[in-house]
Amino acid sequence: MLYRIITIVGGLVFVVALFALLWFLCRKFLQHHGVTEQLSDRATVLATWTFAGISVGLVFAVAGAFVLGPWAFYRTLRGHDVAVSDGAAIWWGFGIVLIALGTTALGFFGFLVAVGAF
């Protein structure tokens, strides 16, 4: 029973870590493209919608996260008037989703190994 509680708490920590990583990557993306006004708020909105896209995509199929996450990033980015082409925005979104999900998945797998789940 203790391992189940530890695994659930660990899973929740990694969900928070995924959002934090998305926020950090979105902030760096906006800084790279010269956004300075309300940077933290804009990064939060961009990360929130990207996280929502990933979450809905994970419900349908794991591959859906790599479709809906970048699409949500692109759609949200269009509302922020950042000077980046549509194709580049989609590829940036895909890269951010790939890095964030890959890092979080590796960390969670390491956590599961550490608690003896694997």
N, C-alpha and C. Protein backbone atom coordinates (compact mmCIF):
# COMPACT_ATOMS: atom_id res chain seq x y z
N MET A 1 0.81 -1.19 0.00
CA MET A 1 0.00 0.00 0.00
C MET A 1 0.87 1.26 0.00
N LEU A 2 1.97 1.23 0.72
CA LEU A 2 2.85 2.39 0.78
C LEU A 2 3.43 2.70 -0.60
N TYR A 3 3.78 1.65 -1.38
CA TYR A 3 4.33 1.87 -2.72
C TYR A 3 3.31 2.53 -3.63
N ARG A 4 2.05 2.20 -3.48
CA ARG A 4 1.00 2.82 -4.29
C ARG A 4 0.90 4.31 -3.98
N ILE A 5 0.93 4.65 -2.71
CA ILE A 5 0.85 6.06 -2.31
C ILE A 5 2.07 6.82 -2.82
N ILE A 6 3.24 6.22 -2.66
CA ILE A 6 4.46 6.86 -3.14
C ILE A 6 4.41 7.06 -4.65
N THR A 7 3.91 6.07 -5.37
CA THR A 7 3.82 6.16 -6.83
C THR A 7 2.83 7.23 -7.26
N ILE A 8 1.70 7.32 -6.59
CA ILE A 8 0.70 8.35 -6.93
C ILE A 8 1.25 9.75 -6.64
N VAL A 9 1.87 9.92 -5.49
CA VAL A 9 2.46 11.22 -5.16
C VAL A 9 3.58 11.56 -6.15
N GLY A 10 4.40 10.57 -6.47
CA GLY A 10 5.46 10.79 -7.45
C GLY A 10 4.91 11.16 -8.81
N GLY A 11 3.83 10.50 -9.22
CA GLY A 11 3.19 10.83 -10.49
C GLY A 11 2.68 12.27 -10.52
N LEU A 12 2.08 12.71 -9.42
CA LEU A 12 1.60 14.09 -9.33
C LEU A 12 2.75 15.09 -9.38
N VAL A 13 3.85 14.73 -8.74
CA VAL A 13 5.03 15.60 -8.79
C VAL A 13 5.54 15.72 -10.22
N PHE A 14 5.50 14.62 -10.97
CA PHE A 14 5.97 14.67 -12.35
C PHE A 14 5.00 15.40 -13.27
N VAL A 15 3.72 15.43 -12.95
CA VAL A 15 2.77 16.25 -13.71
C VAL A 15 3.10 17.73 -13.51
N VAL A 16 3.37 18.10 -12.27
CA VAL A 16 3.77 19.48 -11.98
C VAL A 16 5.10 19.80 -12.67
N ALA A 17 6.01 18.84 -12.67
CA ALA A 17 7.31 19.04 -13.33
C ALA A 17 7.13 19.22 -14.84
N LEU A 18 6.20 18.48 -15.43
CA LEU A 18 5.93 18.62 -16.86
C LEU A 18 5.44 20.03 -17.17
N PHE A 19 4.49 20.53 -16.37
CA PHE A 19 4.00 21.89 -16.60
C PHE A 19 5.12 22.91 -16.41
N ALA A 20 5.92 22.74 -15.36
CA ALA A 20 7.02 23.68 -15.11
C ALA A 20 8.02 23.67 -16.26
N LEU A 21 8.31 22.51 -16.79
CA LEU A 21 9.23 22.41 -17.93
C LEU A 21 8.63 23.06 -19.17
N LEU A 22 7.34 22.84 -19.41
CA LEU A 22 6.67 23.51 -20.54
C LEU A 22 6.71 25.02 -20.37
N TRP A 23 6.44 25.51 -19.16
CA TRP A 23 6.46 26.94 -18.91
C TRP A 23 7.86 27.51 -19.18
N PHE A 24 8.88 26.82 -18.69
CA PHE A 24 10.26 27.29 -18.89
C PHE A 24 10.60 27.33 -20.38
N LEU A 25 10.25 26.29 -21.12
CA LEU A 25 10.57 26.24 -22.54
C LEU A 25 9.77 27.29 -23.33
N CYS A 26 8.53 27.51 -22.97
CA CYS A 26 7.73 28.54 -23.62
C CYS A 26 8.30 29.93 -23.32
N ARG A 27 8.74 30.14 -22.11
CA ARG A 27 9.35 31.42 -21.74
C ARG A 27 10.62 31.66 -22.56
N LYS A 28 11.46 30.63 -22.67
CA LYS A 28 12.69 30.77 -23.46
C LYS A 28 12.37 31.01 -24.93
N PHE A 29 11.33 30.36 -25.44
CA PHE A 29 10.91 30.57 -26.83
C PHE A 29 10.49 32.02 -27.03
N LEU A 30 9.67 32.55 -26.14
CA LEU A 30 9.21 33.93 -26.28
C LEU A 30 10.37 34.91 -26.15
N GLN A 31 11.28 34.66 -25.22
CA GLN A 31 12.46 35.52 -25.08
C GLN A 31 13.30 35.49 -26.35
N HIS A 32 13.46 34.30 -26.93
CA HIS A 32 14.25 34.14 -28.15
C HIS A 32 13.66 34.95 -29.31
N HIS A 33 12.33 35.12 -29.29
CA HIS A 33 11.67 35.84 -30.36
C HIS A 33 11.37 37.30 -29.99
N GLY A 34 12.02 37.79 -28.96
CA GLY A 34 11.97 39.21 -28.64
C GLY A 34 10.77 39.68 -27.84
N VAL A 35 10.03 38.80 -27.24
CA VAL A 35 8.88 39.22 -26.43
C VAL A 35 9.39 39.64 -25.05
N THR A 36 9.06 40.85 -24.64
CA THR A 36 9.49 41.33 -23.33
C THR A 36 8.30 41.78 -22.47
N GLU A 37 7.22 42.21 -23.10
CA GLU A 37 6.05 42.68 -22.35
C GLU A 37 5.26 41.50 -21.79
N GLN A 38 4.98 41.54 -20.52
CA GLN A 38 4.18 40.51 -19.85
C GLN A 38 4.70 39.10 -20.18
N LEU A 39 5.99 38.94 -20.12
CA LEU A 39 6.62 37.68 -20.52
C LEU A 39 6.13 36.51 -19.68
N SER A 40 6.07 36.69 -18.38
CA SER A 40 5.66 35.59 -17.50
C SER A 40 4.21 35.19 -17.75
N ASP A 41 3.33 36.17 -17.90
CA ASP A 41 1.92 35.88 -18.15
C ASP A 41 1.73 35.20 -19.50
N ARG A 42 2.41 35.69 -20.50
CA ARG A 42 2.28 35.10 -21.84
C ARG A 42 2.83 33.67 -21.87
N ALA A 43 3.93 33.45 -21.16
CA ALA A 43 4.49 32.10 -21.09
C ALA A 43 3.54 31.16 -20.35
N THR A 44 2.86 31.67 -19.33
CA THR A 44 1.91 30.86 -18.59
C THR A 44 0.73 30.47 -19.46
N VAL A 45 0.20 31.40 -20.22
CA VAL A 45 -0.93 31.10 -21.11
C VAL A 45 -0.50 30.10 -22.18
N LEU A 46 0.66 30.31 -22.77
CA LEU A 46 1.16 29.41 -23.81
C LEU A 46 1.41 28.01 -23.25
N ALA A 47 2.00 27.93 -22.07
CA ALA A 47 2.26 26.62 -21.45
C ALA A 47 0.97 25.94 -21.03
N THR A 48 0.01 26.70 -20.55
CA THR A 48 -1.27 26.11 -20.12
C THR A 48 -2.00 25.47 -21.28
N TRP A 49 -2.10 26.17 -22.40
CA TRP A 49 -2.80 25.60 -23.55
C TRP A 49 -2.03 24.45 -24.17
N THR A 50 -0.70 24.53 -24.18
CA THR A 50 0.11 23.42 -24.68
C THR A 50 -0.07 22.20 -23.78
N PHE A 51 -0.07 22.41 -22.48
CA PHE A 51 -0.30 21.32 -21.52
C PHE A 51 -1.68 20.71 -21.72
N ALA A 52 -2.68 21.55 -21.95
CA ALA A 52 -4.04 21.05 -22.20
C ALA A 52 -4.08 20.20 -23.47
N GLY A 53 -3.41 20.65 -24.51
CA GLY A 53 -3.36 19.87 -25.75
C GLY A 53 -2.68 18.53 -25.55
N ILE A 54 -1.59 18.53 -24.81
CA ILE A 54 -0.88 17.28 -24.51
C ILE A 54 -1.78 16.35 -23.71
N SER A 55 -2.46 16.90 -22.72
CA SER A 55 -3.32 16.08 -21.85
C SER A 55 -4.45 15.43 -22.63
N VAL A 56 -5.12 16.19 -23.47
CA VAL A 56 -6.20 15.63 -24.27
C VAL A 56 -5.64 14.60 -25.25
N GLY A 57 -4.50 14.89 -25.82
CA GLY A 57 -3.86 13.95 -26.75
C GLY A 57 -3.47 12.64 -26.08
N LEU A 58 -3.04 12.71 -24.83
CA LEU A 58 -2.68 11.50 -24.10
C LEU A 58 -3.89 10.64 -23.77
N VAL A 59 -5.05 11.26 -23.62
CA VAL A 59 -6.26 10.50 -23.33
C VAL A 59 -6.64 9.64 -24.53
N PHE A 60 -6.56 10.17 -25.73
CA PHE A 60 -6.96 9.43 -26.92
C PHE A 60 -5.92 8.40 -27.33
N ALA A 61 -4.71 8.81 -27.40
CA ALA A 61 -3.59 7.91 -27.73
C ALA A 61 -2.33 8.70 -27.43
N VAL A 62 -1.29 8.01 -27.11
CA VAL A 62 -0.04 8.69 -26.77
C VAL A 62 0.42 9.57 -27.93
N ALA A 63 0.26 9.09 -29.15
CA ALA A 63 0.67 9.87 -30.32
C ALA A 63 -0.14 11.16 -30.46
N GLY A 64 -1.36 11.17 -29.92
CA GLY A 64 -2.18 12.37 -29.98
C GLY A 64 -1.57 13.55 -29.27
N ALA A 65 -0.76 13.30 -28.26
CA ALA A 65 -0.10 14.38 -27.54
C ALA A 65 0.86 15.13 -28.45
N PHE A 66 1.44 14.43 -29.39
CA PHE A 66 2.40 15.05 -30.31
C PHE A 66 1.72 15.74 -31.49
N VAL A 67 0.39 15.60 -31.55
CA VAL A 67 -0.39 16.33 -32.55
C VAL A 67 -1.11 17.50 -31.89
N LEU A 68 -1.85 17.22 -30.82
CA LEU A 68 -2.63 18.27 -30.18
C LEU A 68 -1.78 19.25 -29.38
N GLY A 69 -0.66 18.80 -28.81
CA GLY A 69 0.22 19.72 -28.08
C GLY A 69 0.79 20.81 -28.96
N PRO A 70 1.46 20.44 -30.09
CA PRO A 70 1.97 21.48 -30.99
C PRO A 70 0.86 22.34 -31.61
N TRP A 71 -0.30 21.72 -31.88
CA TRP A 71 -1.41 22.49 -32.44
C TRP A 71 -1.88 23.53 -31.44
N ALA A 72 -2.01 23.17 -30.16
CA ALA A 72 -2.42 24.12 -29.13
C ALA A 72 -1.37 25.21 -28.97
N PHE A 73 -0.09 24.85 -29.04
CA PHE A 73 1.00 25.83 -28.97
C PHE A 73 0.86 26.82 -30.12
N TYR A 74 0.67 26.30 -31.32
CA TYR A 74 0.54 27.15 -32.51
C TYR A 74 -0.66 28.08 -32.41
N ARG A 75 -1.83 27.55 -32.03
CA ARG A 75 -3.04 28.36 -31.95
C ARG A 75 -2.91 29.45 -30.89
N THR A 76 -2.30 29.13 -29.78
CA THR A 76 -2.12 30.12 -28.72
C THR A 76 -1.09 31.16 -29.14
N LEU A 77 -0.06 30.72 -29.81
CA LEU A 77 0.99 31.64 -30.26
C LEU A 77 0.45 32.65 -31.27
N ARG A 78 -0.47 32.24 -32.12
CA ARG A 78 -1.08 33.16 -33.09
C ARG A 78 -1.77 34.32 -32.37
N GLY A 79 -2.31 34.10 -31.20
CA GLY A 79 -2.98 35.15 -30.44
C GLY A 79 -2.02 36.13 -29.77
N HIS A 80 -0.75 35.79 -29.72
CA HIS A 80 0.24 36.65 -29.06
C HIS A 80 1.01 37.52 -30.03
N ASP A 81 0.74 37.42 -31.30
CA ASP A 81 1.39 38.25 -32.34
C ASP A 81 2.92 38.17 -32.27
N VAL A 82 3.44 36.97 -32.17
CA VAL A 82 4.89 36.77 -32.19
C VAL A 82 5.30 36.59 -33.65
N ALA A 83 6.37 37.26 -34.03
CA ALA A 83 6.82 37.24 -35.42
C ALA A 83 7.53 35.93 -35.74
N VAL A 84 6.75 34.90 -36.04
CA VAL A 84 7.30 33.60 -36.43
C VAL A 84 6.33 32.99 -37.44
N SER A 85 6.86 32.32 -38.44
CA SER A 85 6.00 31.75 -39.47
C SER A 85 5.16 30.60 -38.90
N ASP A 86 4.10 30.24 -39.63
CA ASP A 86 3.22 29.17 -39.17
C ASP A 86 3.96 27.84 -39.05
N GLY A 87 4.75 27.51 -40.06
CA GLY A 87 5.50 26.25 -40.03
C GLY A 87 6.50 26.20 -38.90
N ALA A 88 7.19 27.32 -38.70
CA ALA A 88 8.18 27.37 -37.61
C ALA A 88 7.49 27.26 -36.25
N ALA A 89 6.32 27.86 -36.11
CA ALA A 89 5.59 27.79 -34.84
C ALA A 89 5.19 26.35 -34.54
N ILE A 90 4.73 25.63 -35.55
CA ILE A 90 4.35 24.23 -35.35
C ILE A 90 5.56 23.39 -34.98
N TRP A 91 6.70 23.59 -35.66
CA TRP A 91 7.90 22.81 -35.35
C TRP A 91 8.46 23.17 -33.98
N TRP A 92 8.41 24.46 -33.62
CA TRP A 92 8.83 24.85 -32.27
C TRP A 92 7.93 24.17 -31.24
N GLY A 93 6.63 24.17 -31.48
CA GLY A 93 5.70 23.52 -30.57
C GLY A 93 5.98 22.04 -30.44
N PHE A 94 6.25 21.38 -31.57
CA PHE A 94 6.57 19.95 -31.54
C PHE A 94 7.85 19.71 -30.75
N GLY A 95 8.85 20.54 -30.94
CA GLY A 95 10.10 20.39 -30.20
C GLY A 95 9.92 20.59 -28.71
N ILE A 96 9.14 21.60 -28.34
CA ILE A 96 8.89 21.85 -26.92
C ILE A 96 8.15 20.68 -26.29
N VAL A 97 7.14 20.17 -27.00
CA VAL A 97 6.38 19.02 -26.49
C VAL A 97 7.28 17.79 -26.38
N LEU A 98 8.09 17.55 -27.39
CA LEU A 98 8.97 16.39 -27.39
C LEU A 98 9.99 16.46 -26.24
N ILE A 99 10.61 17.59 -26.05
CA ILE A 99 11.59 17.75 -24.97
C ILE A 99 10.93 17.60 -23.60
N ALA A 100 9.79 18.27 -23.42
CA ALA A 100 9.12 18.23 -22.11
C ALA A 100 8.61 16.83 -21.79
N LEU A 101 7.94 16.19 -22.74
CA LEU A 101 7.42 14.85 -22.48
C LEU A 101 8.54 13.82 -22.33
N GLY A 102 9.57 13.93 -23.16
CA GLY A 102 10.69 12.99 -23.07
C GLY A 102 11.43 13.09 -21.76
N THR A 103 11.72 14.30 -21.32
CA THR A 103 12.41 14.50 -20.06
C THR A 103 11.58 14.00 -18.88
N THR A 104 10.29 14.33 -18.90
CA THR A 104 9.41 13.90 -17.82
C THR A 104 9.24 12.38 -17.81
N ALA A 105 9.09 11.79 -18.97
CA ALA A 105 8.93 10.33 -19.05
C ALA A 105 10.17 9.60 -18.55
N LEU A 106 11.35 10.07 -18.94
CA LEU A 106 12.58 9.45 -18.45
C LEU A 106 12.71 9.59 -16.93
N GLY A 107 12.38 10.77 -16.43
CA GLY A 107 12.44 10.97 -14.98
C GLY A 107 11.45 10.09 -14.23
N PHE A 108 10.23 9.96 -14.77
CA PHE A 108 9.22 9.13 -14.11
C PHE A 108 9.60 7.65 -14.19
N PHE A 109 10.17 7.23 -15.31
CA PHE A 109 10.62 5.84 -15.42
C PHE A 109 11.73 5.58 -14.40
N GLY A 110 12.66 6.52 -14.25
CA GLY A 110 13.70 6.37 -13.24
C GLY A 110 13.12 6.32 -11.84
N PHE A 111 12.09 7.13 -11.58
CA PHE A 111 11.41 7.10 -10.29
C PHE A 111 10.76 5.73 -10.04
N LEU A 112 10.10 5.18 -11.04
CA LEU A 112 9.47 3.86 -10.89
C LEU A 112 10.49 2.77 -10.65
N VAL A 113 11.64 2.86 -11.29
CA VAL A 113 12.71 1.91 -11.04
C VAL A 113 13.22 2.06 -9.61
N ALA A 114 13.34 3.31 -9.16
CA ALA A 114 13.86 3.57 -7.81
C ALA A 114 12.93 3.03 -6.71
N VAL A 115 11.61 3.06 -6.95
CA VAL A 115 10.68 2.56 -5.94
C VAL A 115 10.39 1.08 -6.12
N GLY A 116 10.98 0.48 -7.13
CA GLY A 116 10.83 -0.96 -7.31
C GLY A 116 9.62 -1.40 -8.12
N ALA A 117 9.01 -0.48 -8.85
CA ALA A 117 7.85 -0.84 -9.67
C ALA A 117 8.26 -1.61 -10.93
N PHE A 118 9.51 -1.47 -11.33
CA PHE A 118 10.03 -2.23 -12.48
C PHE A 118 11.16 -3.10 -12.06
